[in-house]
Amino acid sequence: MFPFTSLYVMPARMALIEVPLQDVAMANILACYLMLRVTTKIYKVGVMSTGRKPSFREVWGWLRSD
């Protein structure tokens, strides 16, 4: 159920065993929510304040800052 990997693991899990619908729904909802939070923080901290394209090092620093 770890959200970042659930979108990749869930289809394999569904092919091997019978997966309850609430597991599929919860995995997708959690993954979308967490990815939205991460991208919102990157946009708010980086792009809005600097106005230029960030490097990976800068993005990592923004995610670690609070």
Protein backbone atom coordinates (compact mmCIF):
# COMPACT_ATOMS: atom_id res chain seq x y z
CA MET A 1 0.00 0.00 0.00
CA PHE A 2 3.00 2.35 -0.15
CA PRO A 3 1.63 5.10 -2.40
CA PHE A 4 4.63 5.77 -4.64
CA THR A 5 4.93 2.15 -5.69
CA SER A 6 1.29 1.08 -5.48
CA LEU A 7 0.46 2.30 -8.98
CA TYR A 8 3.12 -0.04 -10.36
CA VAL A 9 2.65 -2.98 -8.01
CA MET A 10 -1.16 -3.06 -7.94
CA PRO A 11 -1.63 -4.39 -11.53
CA ALA A 12 0.76 -7.27 -10.81
CA ARG A 13 -0.98 -7.95 -7.51
CA MET A 14 -4.36 -7.91 -9.27
CA ALA A 15 -3.11 -10.43 -11.84
CA LEU A 16 -1.91 -12.84 -9.16
CA ILE A 17 -4.62 -12.65 -6.50
CA GLU A 18 -8.14 -11.35 -5.96
CA VAL A 19 -7.74 -7.79 -4.67
CA PRO A 20 -10.63 -6.07 -2.88
CA LEU A 21 -11.93 -2.94 -4.60
CA GLN A 22 -11.27 -0.78 -1.53
CA ASP A 23 -7.55 -1.69 -1.68
CA VAL A 24 -7.32 -0.52 -5.29
CA ALA A 25 -9.25 2.66 -4.57
CA MET A 26 -7.27 3.51 -1.43
CA ALA A 27 -3.92 2.92 -3.14
CA ASN A 28 -4.84 5.22 -6.01
CA ILE A 29 -6.30 7.92 -3.78
CA LEU A 30 -3.24 7.95 -1.50
CA ALA A 31 -0.84 8.03 -4.44
CA CYS A 32 -2.65 10.92 -6.09
CA TYR A 33 -2.90 12.87 -2.83
CA LEU A 34 0.79 12.52 -2.00
CA MET A 35 1.94 13.36 -5.51
CA LEU A 36 -0.28 16.44 -5.49
CA ARG A 37 1.26 17.57 -2.19
CA VAL A 38 4.80 17.12 -3.51
CA THR A 39 4.19 18.94 -6.79
CA THR A 40 2.33 21.75 -5.04
CA LYS A 41 5.25 22.31 -2.69
CA ILE A 42 7.75 22.33 -5.55
CA TYR A 43 5.66 24.83 -7.48
CA LYS A 44 4.98 27.08 -4.50
CA VAL A 45 8.51 27.16 -3.12
CA GLY A 46 10.50 27.08 -6.32
CA VAL A 47 8.76 28.24 -9.40
CA MET A 48 6.70 31.01 -7.81
CA SER A 49 9.65 32.46 -5.89
CA THR A 50 12.38 32.24 -8.54
CA GLY A 51 10.52 32.21 -11.85
CA ARG A 52 13.04 29.94 -13.58
CA LYS A 53 13.40 26.24 -14.29
CA PRO A 54 14.86 24.46 -11.22
CA SER A 55 17.62 21.85 -11.13
CA PHE A 56 17.17 18.48 -9.43
CA ARG A 57 19.42 19.58 -6.56
CA GLU A 58 17.23 22.64 -5.94
CA VAL A 59 14.04 20.56 -6.04
CA TRP A 60 15.47 18.13 -3.51
CA GLY A 61 16.32 21.03 -1.21
CA TRP A 62 12.83 22.49 -1.54
CA LEU A 63 11.24 19.17 -0.64
CA ARG A 64 13.40 18.83 2.45
CA SER A 65 12.69 22.39 3.64
CA ASP A 66 9.52 23.16 5.50
